[in-house]
PDB file of N, CA and C in Angstrom:
ATOM      1  N   MET A   1     -19.974 -10.076  -8.278  1.00  0.00           N
ATOM      2  CA  MET A   1     -19.381  -8.812  -7.893  1.00  0.00           C
ATOM      3  C   MET A   1     -20.011  -7.704  -8.736  1.00  0.00           C
ATOM      4  N   ALA A   2     -20.248  -6.581  -8.128  1.00  0.00           N
ATOM      5  CA  ALA A   2     -20.882  -5.453  -8.806  1.00  0.00           C
ATOM      6  C   ALA A   2     -19.920  -4.818  -9.811  1.00  0.00           C
ATOM      7  N   GLY A   3     -20.464  -3.961 -10.701  1.00  0.00           N
ATOM      8  CA  GLY A   3     -19.656  -3.308 -11.723  1.00  0.00           C
ATOM      9  C   GLY A   3     -18.730  -2.254 -11.165  1.00  0.00           C
ATOM     10  N   ALA A   4     -19.196  -1.468 -10.219  1.00  0.00           N
ATOM     11  CA  ALA A   4     -18.385  -0.420  -9.588  1.00  0.00           C
ATOM     12  C   ALA A   4     -18.982  -0.105  -8.226  1.00  0.00           C
ATOM     13  N   ALA A   5     -18.139   0.335  -7.323  1.00  0.00           N
ATOM     14  CA  ALA A   5     -18.591   0.699  -5.981  1.00  0.00           C
ATOM     15  C   ALA A   5     -19.164   2.106  -5.994  1.00  0.00           C
ATOM     16  N   GLN A   6     -20.018   2.371  -5.026  1.00  0.00           N
ATOM     17  CA  GLN A   6     -20.538   3.722  -4.863  1.00  0.00           C
ATOM     18  C   GLN A   6     -19.400   4.654  -4.469  1.00  0.00           C
ATOM     19  N   VAL A   7     -19.470   5.870  -4.969  1.00  0.00           N
ATOM     20  CA  VAL A   7     -18.524   6.901  -4.560  1.00  0.00           C
ATOM     21  C   VAL A   7     -19.036   7.465  -3.238  1.00  0.00           C
ATOM     22  N   PRO A   8     -18.153   7.702  -2.259  1.00  0.00           N
ATOM     23  CA  PRO A   8     -18.628   8.277  -0.999  1.00  0.00           C
ATOM     24  C   PRO A   8     -19.404   9.570  -1.243  1.00  0.00           C
ATOM     25  N   THR A   9     -20.527   9.701  -0.560  1.00  0.00           N
ATOM     26  CA  THR A   9     -21.361  10.895  -0.718  1.00  0.00           C
ATOM     27  C   THR A   9     -20.862  12.049   0.127  1.00  0.00           C
ATOM     28  N   SER A  10     -19.921  11.774   1.014  1.00  0.00           N
ATOM     29  CA  SER A  10     -19.356  12.799   1.888  1.00  0.00           C
ATOM     30  C   SER A  10     -17.946  12.369   2.261  1.00  0.00           C
ATOM     31  N   PHE A  11     -17.088  13.323   2.489  1.00  0.00           N
ATOM     32  CA  PHE A  11     -15.727  12.987   2.908  1.00  0.00           C
ATOM     33  C   PHE A  11     -15.458  13.528   4.308  1.00  0.00           C
ATOM     34  N   GLY A  12     -16.452  13.435   5.175  1.00  0.00           N
ATOM     35  CA  GLY A  12     -16.332  13.901   6.551  1.00  0.00           C
ATOM     36  C   GLY A  12     -16.057  12.749   7.507  1.00  0.00           C
ATOM     37  N   ARG A  13     -16.466  12.934   8.738  1.00  0.00           N
ATOM     38  CA  ARG A  13     -16.210  11.943   9.789  1.00  0.00           C
ATOM     39  C   ARG A  13     -17.016  10.657   9.651  1.00  0.00           C
ATOM     40  N   GLU A  14     -18.050  10.674   8.817  1.00  0.00           N
ATOM     41  CA  GLU A  14     -18.881   9.474   8.677  1.00  0.00           C
ATOM     42  C   GLU A  14     -18.278   8.435   7.736  1.00  0.00           C
ATOM     43  N   LEU A  15     -17.104   8.695   7.176  1.00  0.00           N
ATOM     44  CA  LEU A  15     -16.449   7.732   6.294  1.00  0.00           C
ATOM     45  C   LEU A  15     -15.972   6.521   7.073  1.00  0.00           C
ATOM     46  N   ARG A  16     -16.124   5.363   6.443  1.00  0.00           N
ATOM     47  CA  ARG A  16     -15.633   4.118   7.011  1.00  0.00           C
ATOM     48  C   ARG A  16     -14.948   3.338   5.896  1.00  0.00           C
ATOM     49  N   VAL A  17     -14.138   2.378   6.280  1.00  0.00           N
ATOM     50  CA  VAL A  17     -13.379   1.574   5.323  1.00  0.00           C
ATOM     51  C   VAL A  17     -13.580   0.103   5.671  1.00  0.00           C
ATOM     52  N   CYS A  18     -13.822  -0.721   4.659  1.00  0.00           N
ATOM     53  CA  CYS A  18     -13.955  -2.163   4.864  1.00  0.00           C
ATOM     54  C   CYS A  18     -12.620  -2.724   5.343  1.00  0.00           C
ATOM     55  N   LEU A  19     -12.653  -3.511   6.396  1.00  0.00           N
ATOM     56  CA  LEU A  19     -11.421  -4.077   6.959  1.00  0.00           C
ATOM     57  C   LEU A  19     -10.817  -5.158   6.070  1.00  0.00           C
ATOM     58  N   ARG A  20     -11.596  -5.746   5.178  1.00  0.00           N
ATOM     59  CA  ARG A  20     -11.034  -6.762   4.284  1.00  0.00           C
ATOM     60  C   ARG A  20     -10.456  -6.158   3.019  1.00  0.00           C
ATOM     61  N   CYS A  21     -11.190  -5.253   2.366  1.00  0.00           N
ATOM     62  CA  CYS A  21     -10.760  -4.804   1.039  1.00  0.00           C
ATOM     63  C   CYS A  21     -10.362  -3.327   0.958  1.00  0.00           C
ATOM     64  N   SER A  22     -10.563  -2.565   2.025  1.00  0.00           N
ATOM     65  CA  SER A  22     -10.211  -1.135   2.093  1.00  0.00           C
ATOM     66  C   SER A  22     -11.146  -0.215   1.315  1.00  0.00           C
ATOM     67  N   LEU A  23     -12.293  -0.724   0.839  1.00  0.00           N
ATOM     68  CA  LEU A  23     -13.254   0.122   0.137  1.00  0.00           C
ATOM     69  C   LEU A  23     -13.773   1.194   1.088  1.00  0.00           C
ATOM     70  N   MET A  24     -13.875   2.411   0.586  1.00  0.00           N
ATOM     71  CA  MET A  24     -14.268   3.561   1.398  1.00  0.00           C
ATOM     72  C   MET A  24     -15.651   4.053   0.990  1.00  0.00           C
ATOM     73  N   LYS A  25     -16.549   4.131   1.972  1.00  0.00           N
ATOM     74  CA  LYS A  25     -17.887   4.690   1.772  1.00  0.00           C
ATOM     75  C   LYS A  25     -18.348   5.256   3.114  1.00  0.00           C
ATOM     76  N   THR A  26     -19.505   5.907   3.107  1.00  0.00           N
ATOM     77  CA  THR A  26     -20.058   6.388   4.374  1.00  0.00           C
ATOM     78  C   THR A  26     -20.728   5.217   5.097  1.00  0.00           C
ATOM     79  N   TYR A  27     -20.956   5.394   6.381  1.00  0.00           N
ATOM     80  CA  TYR A  27     -21.642   4.375   7.167  1.00  0.00           C
ATOM     81  C   TYR A  27     -22.990   4.043   6.518  1.00  0.00           C
ATOM     82  N   ASP A  28     -23.754   5.081   6.156  1.00  0.00           N
ATOM     83  CA  ASP A  28     -25.076   4.867   5.558  1.00  0.00           C
ATOM     84  C   ASP A  28     -25.006   4.089   4.250  1.00  0.00           C
ATOM     85  N   GLN A  29     -23.978   4.336   3.436  1.00  0.00           N
ATOM     86  CA  GLN A  29     -23.827   3.597   2.179  1.00  0.00           C
ATOM     87  C   GLN A  29     -23.531   2.129   2.441  1.00  0.00           C
ATOM     88  N   PHE A  30     -22.674   1.822   3.430  1.00  0.00           N
ATOM     89  CA  PHE A  30     -22.424   0.423   3.785  1.00  0.00           C
ATOM     90  C   PHE A  30     -23.706  -0.208   4.319  1.00  0.00           C
ATOM     91  N   LYS A  31     -24.454   0.525   5.135  1.00  0.00           N
ATOM     92  CA  LYS A  31     -25.681   0.009   5.739  1.00  0.00           C
ATOM     93  C   LYS A  31     -26.731  -0.288   4.664  1.00  0.00           C
ATOM     94  N   GLU A  32     -26.844   0.564   3.665  1.00  0.00           N
ATOM     95  CA  GLU A  32     -27.857   0.394   2.626  1.00  0.00           C
ATOM     96  C   GLU A  32     -27.462  -0.634   1.565  1.00  0.00           C
ATOM     97  N   ASN A  33     -26.178  -0.655   1.167  1.00  0.00           N
ATOM     98  CA  ASN A  33     -25.763  -1.479   0.033  1.00  0.00           C
ATOM     99  C   ASN A  33     -24.659  -2.477   0.327  1.00  0.00           C
ATOM    100  N   GLY A  34     -24.114  -2.477   1.519  1.00  0.00           N
ATOM    101  CA  GLY A  34     -23.024  -3.382   1.842  1.00  0.00           C
ATOM    102  C   GLY A  34     -21.744  -3.010   1.119  1.00  0.00           C
ATOM    103  N   CYS A  35     -20.821  -3.940   1.072  1.00  0.00           N
ATOM    104  CA  CYS A  35     -19.541  -3.747   0.391  1.00  0.00           C
ATOM    105  C   CYS A  35     -19.585  -4.501  -0.936  1.00  0.00           C
ATOM    106  N   GLU A  36     -19.319  -3.810  -2.019  1.00  0.00           N
ATOM    107  CA  GLU A  36     -19.383  -4.426  -3.342  1.00  0.00           C
ATOM    108  C   GLU A  36     -18.345  -5.521  -3.546  1.00  0.00           C
ATOM    109  N   ASN A  37     -17.254  -5.505  -2.798  1.00  0.00           N
ATOM    110  CA  ASN A  37     -16.227  -6.544  -2.889  1.00  0.00           C
ATOM    111  C   ASN A  37     -16.477  -7.706  -1.932  1.00  0.00           C
ATOM    112  N   CYS A  38     -17.171  -7.444  -0.859  1.00  0.00           N
ATOM    113  CA  CYS A  38     -17.343  -8.426   0.221  1.00  0.00           C
ATOM    114  C   CYS A  38     -18.823  -8.693   0.463  1.00  0.00           C
ATOM    115  N   LEU A  39     -19.529  -9.096  -0.576  1.00  0.00           N
ATOM    116  CA  LEU A  39     -20.973  -9.328  -0.483  1.00  0.00           C
ATOM    117  C   LEU A  39     -21.323 -10.371   0.569  1.00  0.00           C
ATOM    118  N   PHE A  40     -20.421 -11.334   0.813  1.00  0.00           N
ATOM    119  CA  PHE A  40     -20.655 -12.412   1.764  1.00  0.00           C
ATOM    120  C   PHE A  40     -20.759 -11.927   3.210  1.00  0.00           C
ATOM    121  N   PHE A  41     -20.331 -10.697   3.508  1.00  0.00           N
ATOM    122  CA  PHE A  41     -20.496 -10.148   4.860  1.00  0.00           C
ATOM    123  C   PHE A  41     -21.938  -9.720   5.123  1.00  0.00           C
ATOM    124  N   ASN A  42     -22.726  -9.530   4.078  1.00  0.00           N
ATOM    125  CA  ASN A  42     -24.143  -9.152   4.213  1.00  0.00           C
ATOM    126  C   ASN A  42     -24.352  -7.945   5.114  1.00  0.00           C
ATOM    127  N   MET A  43     -23.534  -6.930   4.947  1.00  0.00           N
ATOM    128  CA  MET A  43     -23.661  -5.715   5.753  1.00  0.00           C
ATOM    129  C   MET A  43     -25.004  -5.027   5.544  1.00  0.00           C
ATOM    130  N   ASP A  44     -25.567  -5.162   4.355  1.00  0.00           N
ATOM    131  CA  ASP A  44     -26.850  -4.522   4.070  1.00  0.00           C
ATOM    132  C   ASP A  44     -28.020  -5.225   4.756  1.00  0.00           C
ATOM    133  N   LYS A  45     -27.814  -6.458   5.210  1.00  0.00           N
ATOM    134  CA  LYS A  45     -28.871  -7.207   5.889  1.00  0.00           C
ATOM    135  C   LYS A  45     -28.705  -7.214   7.407  1.00  0.00           C
ATOM    136  N   ASP A  46     -27.495  -6.989   7.886  1.00  0.00           N
ATOM    137  CA  ASP A  46     -27.205  -7.002   9.325  1.00  0.00           C
ATOM    138  C   ASP A  46     -26.384  -5.759   9.646  1.00  0.00           C
ATOM    139  N   HIS A  47     -27.040  -4.731  10.151  1.00  0.00           N
ATOM    140  CA  HIS A  47     -26.390  -3.440  10.340  1.00  0.00           C
ATOM    141  C   HIS A  47     -25.282  -3.460  11.383  1.00  0.00           C
ATOM    142  N   ASP A  48     -25.314  -4.418  12.326  1.00  0.00           N
ATOM    143  CA  ASP A  48     -24.205  -4.547  13.275  1.00  0.00           C
ATOM    144  C   ASP A  48     -22.928  -4.960  12.552  1.00  0.00           C
ATOM    145  N   ARG A  49     -23.079  -5.651  11.431  1.00  0.00           N
ATOM    146  CA  ARG A  49     -21.915  -6.078  10.649  1.00  0.00           C
ATOM    147  C   ARG A  49     -21.163  -4.893  10.072  1.00  0.00           C
ATOM    148  N   VAL A  50     -21.856  -3.793   9.794  1.00  0.00           N
ATOM    149  CA  VAL A  50     -21.174  -2.605   9.281  1.00  0.00           C
ATOM    150  C   VAL A  50     -20.117  -2.171  10.289  1.00  0.00           C
ATOM    151  N   LEU A  51     -20.479  -2.163  11.558  1.00  0.00           N
ATOM    152  CA  LEU A  51     -19.519  -1.768  12.592  1.00  0.00           C
ATOM    153  C   LEU A  51     -18.438  -2.828  12.794  1.00  0.00           C
ATOM    154  N   GLU A  52     -18.785  -4.103  12.627  1.00  0.00           N
ATOM    155  CA  GLU A  52     -17.817  -5.190  12.784  1.00  0.00           C
ATOM    156  C   GLU A  52     -16.806  -5.253  11.644  1.00  0.00           C
ATOM    157  N   CYS A  53     -17.259  -4.947  10.433  1.00  0.00           N
ATOM    158  CA  CYS A  53     -16.445  -5.163   9.232  1.00  0.00           C
ATOM    159  C   CYS A  53     -15.819  -3.899   8.674  1.00  0.00           C
ATOM    160  N   THR A  54     -16.105  -2.744   9.282  1.00  0.00           N
ATOM    161  CA  THR A  54     -15.531  -1.491   8.792  1.00  0.00           C
ATOM    162  C   THR A  54     -14.897  -0.732   9.947  1.00  0.00           C
ATOM    163  N   THR A  55     -14.087   0.247   9.606  1.00  0.00           N
ATOM    164  CA  THR A  55     -13.423   1.069  10.614  1.00  0.00           C
ATOM    165  C   THR A  55     -13.325   2.515  10.117  1.00  0.00           C
ATOM    166  N   PRO A  56     -13.344   3.465  11.050  1.00  0.00           N
ATOM    167  CA  PRO A  56     -13.100   4.852  10.657  1.00  0.00           C
ATOM    168  C   PRO A  56     -11.612   5.208  10.709  1.00  0.00           C
ATOM    169  N   ASN A  57     -10.773   4.237  11.061  1.00  0.00           N
ATOM    170  CA  ASN A  57      -9.337   4.476  11.247  1.00  0.00           C
ATOM    171  C   ASN A  57      -8.550   4.077   9.999  1.00  0.00           C
ATOM    172  N   PHE A  58      -8.252   5.067   9.189  1.00  0.00           N
ATOM    173  CA  PHE A  58      -7.523   4.836   7.948  1.00  0.00           C
ATOM    174  C   PHE A  58      -6.757   6.099   7.592  1.00  0.00           C
ATOM    175  N   ALA A  59      -5.865   5.972   6.620  1.00  0.00           N
ATOM    176  CA  ALA A  59      -5.112   7.142   6.136  1.00  0.00           C
ATOM    177  C   ALA A  59      -5.050   7.088   4.619  1.00  0.00           C
ATOM    178  N   GLY A  60      -5.225   8.236   3.994  1.00  0.00           N
ATOM    179  CA  GLY A  60      -5.088   8.368   2.555  1.00  0.00           C
ATOM    180  C   GLY A  60      -6.248   7.789   1.782  1.00  0.00           C
ATOM    181  N   VAL A  61      -6.343   8.198   0.541  1.00  0.00           N
ATOM    182  CA  VAL A  61      -7.396   7.693  -0.340  1.00  0.00           C
ATOM    183  C   VAL A  61      -6.863   7.619  -1.769  1.00  0.00           C
ATOM    184  N   ILE A  62      -7.286   6.582  -2.471  1.00  0.00           N
ATOM    185  CA  ILE A  62      -6.981   6.447  -3.892  1.00  0.00           C
ATOM    186  C   ILE A  62      -8.297   6.097  -4.582  1.00  0.00           C
ATOM    187  N   SER A  63      -8.544   6.731  -5.705  1.00  0.00           N
ATOM    188  CA  SER A  63      -9.705   6.390  -6.519  1.00  0.00           C
ATOM    189  C   SER A  63      -9.201   5.627  -7.732  1.00  0.00           C
ATOM    190  N   CYS A  64      -9.742   4.448  -7.925  1.00  0.00           N
ATOM    191  CA  CYS A  64      -9.302   3.585  -9.021  1.00  0.00           C
ATOM    192  C   CYS A  64     -10.458   3.334  -9.970  1.00  0.00           C
ATOM    193  N   MET A  65     -10.299   3.760 -11.212  1.00  0.00           N
ATOM    194  CA  MET A  65     -11.321   3.541 -12.233  1.00  0.00           C
ATOM    195  C   MET A  65     -11.114   2.218 -12.963  1.00  0.00           C
ATOM    196  N   ASP A  66      -9.867   1.769 -13.072  1.00  0.00           N
ATOM    197  CA  ASP A  66      -9.553   0.509 -13.748  1.00  0.00           C
ATOM    198  C   ASP A  66      -8.486  -0.228 -12.944  1.00  0.00           C
ATOM    199  N   PRO A  67      -8.907  -0.864 -11.841  1.00  0.00           N
ATOM    200  CA  PRO A  67      -7.932  -1.510 -10.953  1.00  0.00           C
ATOM    201  C   PRO A  67      -7.087  -2.591 -11.621  1.00  0.00           C
ATOM    202  N   THR A  68      -7.598  -3.222 -12.658  1.00  0.00           N
ATOM    203  CA  THR A  68      -6.847  -4.320 -13.285  1.00  0.00           C
ATOM    204  C   THR A  68      -5.601  -3.851 -14.021  1.00  0.00           C
ATOM    205  N   SER A  69      -5.564  -2.586 -14.450  1.00  0.00           N
ATOM    206  CA  SER A  69      -4.400  -2.125 -15.205  1.00  0.00           C
ATOM    207  C   SER A  69      -3.569  -1.080 -14.467  1.00  0.00           C
ATOM    208  N   SER A  70      -3.853  -0.851 -13.216  1.00  0.00           N
ATOM    209  CA  SER A  70      -3.150   0.176 -12.449  1.00  0.00           C
ATOM    210  C   SER A  70      -2.034  -0.438 -11.602  1.00  0.00           C
ATOM    211  N   TRP A  71      -0.826   0.102 -11.738  1.00  0.00           N
ATOM    212  CA  TRP A  71       0.278  -0.392 -10.905  1.00  0.00           C
ATOM    213  C   TRP A  71      -0.002  -0.083  -9.435  1.00  0.00           C
ATOM    214  N   ALA A  72      -0.641   1.060  -9.163  1.00  0.00           N
ATOM    215  CA  ALA A  72      -0.952   1.436  -7.777  1.00  0.00           C
ATOM    216  C   ALA A  72      -1.939   0.447  -7.153  1.00  0.00           C
ATOM    217  N   SER A  73      -2.914   0.003  -7.923  1.00  0.00           N
ATOM    218  CA  SER A  73      -3.876  -0.957  -7.377  1.00  0.00           C
ATOM    219  C   SER A  73      -3.222  -2.323  -7.146  1.00  0.00           C
ATOM    220  N   ARG A  74      -2.273  -2.698  -7.982  1.00  0.00           N
ATOM    221  CA  ARG A  74      -1.538  -3.947  -7.734  1.00  0.00           C
ATOM    222  C   ARG A  74      -0.697  -3.817  -6.474  1.00  0.00           C
ATOM    223  N   TRP A  75      -0.048  -2.678  -6.285  1.00  0.00           N
ATOM    224  CA  TRP A  75       0.789  -2.432  -5.110  1.00  0.00           C
ATOM    225  C   TRP A  75      -0.061  -2.446  -3.828  1.00  0.00           C
ATOM    226  N   LEU A  76      -1.284  -1.918  -3.912  1.00  0.00           N
ATOM    227  CA  LEU A  76      -2.181  -1.880  -2.752  1.00  0.00           C
ATOM    228  C   LEU A  76      -3.015  -3.160  -2.602  1.00  0.00           C
ATOM    229  N   ARG A  77      -2.841  -4.104  -3.503  1.00  0.00           N
ATOM    230  CA  ARG A  77      -3.582  -5.375  -3.498  1.00  0.00           C
ATOM    231  C   ARG A  77      -5.083  -5.164  -3.669  1.00  0.00           C
ATOM    232  N   ILE A  78      -5.465  -4.240  -4.548  1.00  0.00           N
ATOM    233  CA  ILE A  78      -6.882  -4.015  -4.834  1.00  0.00           C
ATOM    234  C   ILE A  78      -7.191  -4.228  -6.316  1.00  0.00           C
ATOM    235  N   SER A  79      -6.273  -4.822  -7.052  1.00  0.00           N
ATOM    236  CA  SER A  79      -6.441  -4.946  -8.508  1.00  0.00           C
ATOM    237  C   SER A  79      -7.582  -5.884  -8.900  1.00  0.00           C
ATOM    238  N   LYS A  80      -8.024  -6.745  -8.002  1.00  0.00           N
ATOM    239  CA  LYS A  80      -9.121  -7.661  -8.318  1.00  0.00           C
ATOM    240  C   LYS A  80     -10.456  -7.161  -7.765  1.00  0.00           C
ATOM    241  N   PHE A  81     -10.455  -5.964  -7.221  1.00  0.00           N
ATOM    242  CA  PHE A  81     -11.674  -5.397  -6.649  1.00  0.00           C
ATOM    243  C   PHE A  81     -12.348  -4.483  -7.663  1.00  0.00           C
ATOM    244  N   VAL A  82     -13.582  -4.079  -7.342  1.00  0.00           N
ATOM    245  CA  VAL A  82     -14.341  -3.202  -8.235  1.00  0.00           C
ATOM    246  C   VAL A  82     -13.755  -1.790  -8.218  1.00  0.00           C
ATOM    247  N   PRO A  83     -13.966  -1.021  -9.284  1.00  0.00           N
ATOM    248  CA  PRO A  83     -13.541   0.380  -9.269  1.00  0.00           C
ATOM    249  C   PRO A  83     -14.219   1.122  -8.112  1.00  0.00           C
ATOM    250  N   GLY A  84     -13.490   2.035  -7.481  1.00  0.00           N
ATOM    251  CA  GLY A  84     -14.044   2.797  -6.372  1.00  0.00           C
ATOM    252  C   GLY A  84     -12.963   3.557  -5.628  1.00  0.00           C
ATOM    253  N   CYS A  85     -13.309   4.047  -4.448  1.00  0.00           N
ATOM    254  CA  CYS A  85     -12.374   4.772  -3.576  1.00  0.00           C
ATOM    255  C   CYS A  85     -11.887   3.819  -2.491  1.00  0.00           C
ATOM    256  N   TYR A  86     -10.573   3.791  -2.287  1.00  0.00           N
ATOM    257  CA  TYR A  86      -9.953   2.872  -1.331  1.00  0.00           C
ATOM    258  C   TYR A  86      -8.998   3.627  -0.417  1.00  0.00           C
ATOM    259  N   ALA A  87      -8.851   3.135   0.810  1.00  0.00           N
ATOM    260  CA  ALA A  87      -7.895   3.710   1.749  1.00  0.00           C
ATOM    261  C   ALA A  87      -6.502   3.184   1.427  1.00  0.00           C
ATOM    262  N   LEU A  88      -5.490   4.009   1.661  1.00  0.00           N
ATOM    263  CA  LEU A  88      -4.105   3.576   1.450  1.00  0.00           C
ATOM    264  C   LEU A  88      -3.642   2.670   2.575  1.00  0.00           C
ATOM    265  N   THR A  89      -3.963   3.027   3.813  1.00  0.00           N
ATOM    266  CA  THR A  89      -3.654   2.176   4.968  1.00  0.00           C
ATOM    267  C   THR A  89      -4.875   2.105   5.865  1.00  0.00           C
ATOM    268  N   VAL A  90      -5.036   0.976   6.532  1.00  0.00           N
ATOM    269  CA  VAL A  90      -6.180   0.739   7.403  1.00  0.00           C
ATOM    270  C   VAL A  90      -5.672   0.238   8.749  1.00  0.00           C
ATOM    271  N   THR A  91      -6.236   0.774   9.822  1.00  0.00           N
ATOM    272  CA  THR A  91      -5.883   0.325  11.165  1.00  0.00           C
ATOM    273  C   THR A  91      -7.014  -0.542  11.701  1.00  0.00           C
ATOM    274  N   GLY A  92      -6.689  -1.761  12.080  1.00  0.00           N
ATOM    275  CA  GLY A  92      -7.686  -2.681  12.624  1.00  0.00           C
ATOM    276  C   GLY A  92      -7.694  -3.986  11.867  1.00  0.00           C
ATOM    277  N   GLU A  93      -8.342  -4.986  12.465  1.00  0.00           N
ATOM    278  CA  GLU A  93      -8.456  -6.309  11.851  1.00  0.00           C
ATOM    279  C   GLU A  93      -9.862  -6.836  12.045  1.00  0.00           C
ATOM    280  N   LEU A  94     -10.250  -7.736  11.167  1.00  0.00           N
ATOM    281  CA  LEU A  94     -11.537  -8.399  11.308  1.00  0.00           C
ATOM    282  C   LEU A  94     -11.526  -9.292  12.539  1.00  0.00           C
ATOM    283  N   SER A  95     -12.679  -9.446  13.158  1.00  0.00           N
ATOM    284  CA  SER A  95     -12.807 -10.359  14.291  1.00  0.00           C
ATOM    285  C   SER A  95     -12.625 -11.797  13.800  1.00  0.00           C
ATOM    286  N   GLU A  96     -12.402 -12.717  14.726  1.00  0.00           N
ATOM    287  CA  GLU A  96     -12.236 -14.122  14.349  1.00  0.00           C
ATOM    288  C   GLU A  96     -13.486 -14.661  13.666  1.00  0.00           C
ATOM    289  N   GLU A  97     -14.658 -14.200  14.114  1.00  0.00           N
ATOM    290  CA  GLU A  97     -15.922 -14.626  13.494  1.00  0.00           C
ATOM    291  C   GLU A  97     -15.982 -14.196  12.025  1.00  0.00           C
ATOM    292  N   MET A  98     -15.587 -12.959  11.750  1.00  0.00           N
ATOM    293  CA  MET A  98     -15.612 -12.466  10.371  1.00  0.00           C
ATOM    294  C   MET A  98     -14.529 -13.135   9.527  1.00  0.00           C
ATOM    295  N   GLN A  99     -13.385 -13.443  10.144  1.00  0.00           N
ATOM    296  CA  GLN A  99     -12.335 -14.172   9.434  1.00  0.00           C
ATOM    297  C   GLN A  99     -12.819 -15.578   9.074  1.00  0.00           C
ATOM    298  N   ALA A 100     -13.618 -16.183   9.955  1.00  0.00           N
ATOM    299  CA  ALA A 100     -14.182 -17.507   9.673  1.00  0.00           C
ATOM    300  C   ALA A 100     -15.159 -17.435   8.498  1.00  0.00           C
ATOM    301  N   ILE A 101     -15.912 -16.341   8.395  1.00  0.00           N
ATOM    302  CA  ILE A 101     -16.817 -16.165   7.254  1.00  0.00           C
ATOM    303  C   ILE A 101     -16.011 -16.072   5.963  1.00  0.00           C
ATOM    304  N   CYS A 102     -14.875 -15.384   6.020  1.00  0.00           N
ATOM    305  CA  CYS A 102     -13.989 -15.339   4.841  1.00  0.00           C
ATOM    306  C   CYS A 102     -13.550 -16.745   4.469  1.00  0.00           C
ATOM    307  N   ASP A 103     -13.093 -17.516   5.462  1.00  0.00           N
ATOM    308  CA  ASP A 103     -12.648 -18.888   5.211  1.00  0.00           C
ATOM    309  C   ASP A 103     -13.774 -19.738   4.621  1.00  0.00           C
ATOM    310  N   ASP A 104     -14.993 -19.591   5.165  1.00  0.00           N
ATOM    311  CA  ASP A 104     -16.137 -20.358   4.670  1.00  0.00           C
ATOM    312  C   ASP A 104     -16.438 -20.043   3.208  1.00  0.00           C
ATOM    313  N   ASN A 105     -16.087 -18.846   2.765  1.00  0.00           N
ATOM    314  CA  ASN A 105     -16.322 -18.427   1.379  1.00  0.00           C
ATOM    315  C   ASN A 105     -15.074 -18.554   0.513  1.00  0.00           C
ATOM    316  N   ASN A 106     -14.061 -19.276   1.022  1.00  0.00           N
ATOM    317  CA  ASN A 106     -12.797 -19.483   0.307  1.00  0.00           C
ATOM    318  C   ASN A 106     -12.132 -18.171  -0.085  1.00  0.00           C
ATOM    319  N   ILE A 107     -12.209 -17.192   0.819  1.00  0.00           N
ATOM    320  CA  ILE A 107     -11.598 -15.885   0.621  1.00  0.00           C
ATOM    321  C   ILE A 107     -10.423 -15.776   1.586  1.00  0.00           C
ATOM    322  N   ARG A 108      -9.265 -15.498   1.051  1.00  0.00           N
ATOM    323  CA  ARG A 108      -8.080 -15.315   1.892  1.00  0.00           C
ATOM    324  C   ARG A 108      -8.108 -13.930   2.517  1.00  0.00           C
ATOM    325  N   TYR A 109      -8.035 -13.873   3.833  1.00  0.00           N
ATOM    326  CA  TYR A 109      -8.021 -12.584   4.533  1.00  0.00           C
ATOM    327  C   TYR A 109      -6.603 -12.231   4.926  1.00  0.00           C
ATOM    328  N   VAL A 110      -6.161 -11.046   4.489  1.00  0.00           N
ATOM    329  CA  VAL A 110      -4.859 -10.518   4.855  1.00  0.00           C
ATOM    330  C   VAL A 110      -5.104  -9.141   5.458  1.00  0.00           C
ATOM    331  N   PRO A 111      -4.738  -8.929   6.740  1.00  0.00           N
ATOM    332  CA  PRO A 111      -4.938  -7.590   7.336  1.00  0.00           C
ATOM    333  C   PRO A 111      -4.298  -6.513   6.464  1.00  0.00           C
ATOM    334  N   ARG A 112      -4.970  -5.351   6.343  1.00  0.00           N
ATOM    335  CA  ARG A 112      -4.585  -4.323   5.393  1.00  0.00           C
ATOM    336  C   ARG A 112      -3.688  -3.243   5.973  1.00  0.00           C
ATOM    337  N   SER A 113      -3.225  -3.393   7.193  1.00  0.00           N
ATOM    338  CA  SER A 113      -2.394  -2.333   7.793  1.00  0.00           C
ATOM    339  C   SER A 113      -1.011  -2.257   7.206  1.00  0.00           C
TER     340      SER A 113
END
């Protein structure tokens, strides 16, 4: 796992959120570097995965510098993720294929809505 996630370079319509971990970045950032929490999705190697594993449908944002000691990050279930910007709520779920990839990597998937 990386040390910290990239901070979104823009807060406009190009923002997307990972459906597994709620990490928020621009489409281009996911396409170039993938998701720092969900490296097994290989979004940086398969650009169609960015659209499969992320959504533009979310509400709110929290920036967490030290998720391990934040009560808010524990409440949002992001305390084991890298520092970064996260959505408060996410609309949508991973496809069955992506859920199977989580299972193959011994990662428990819980929809974030």
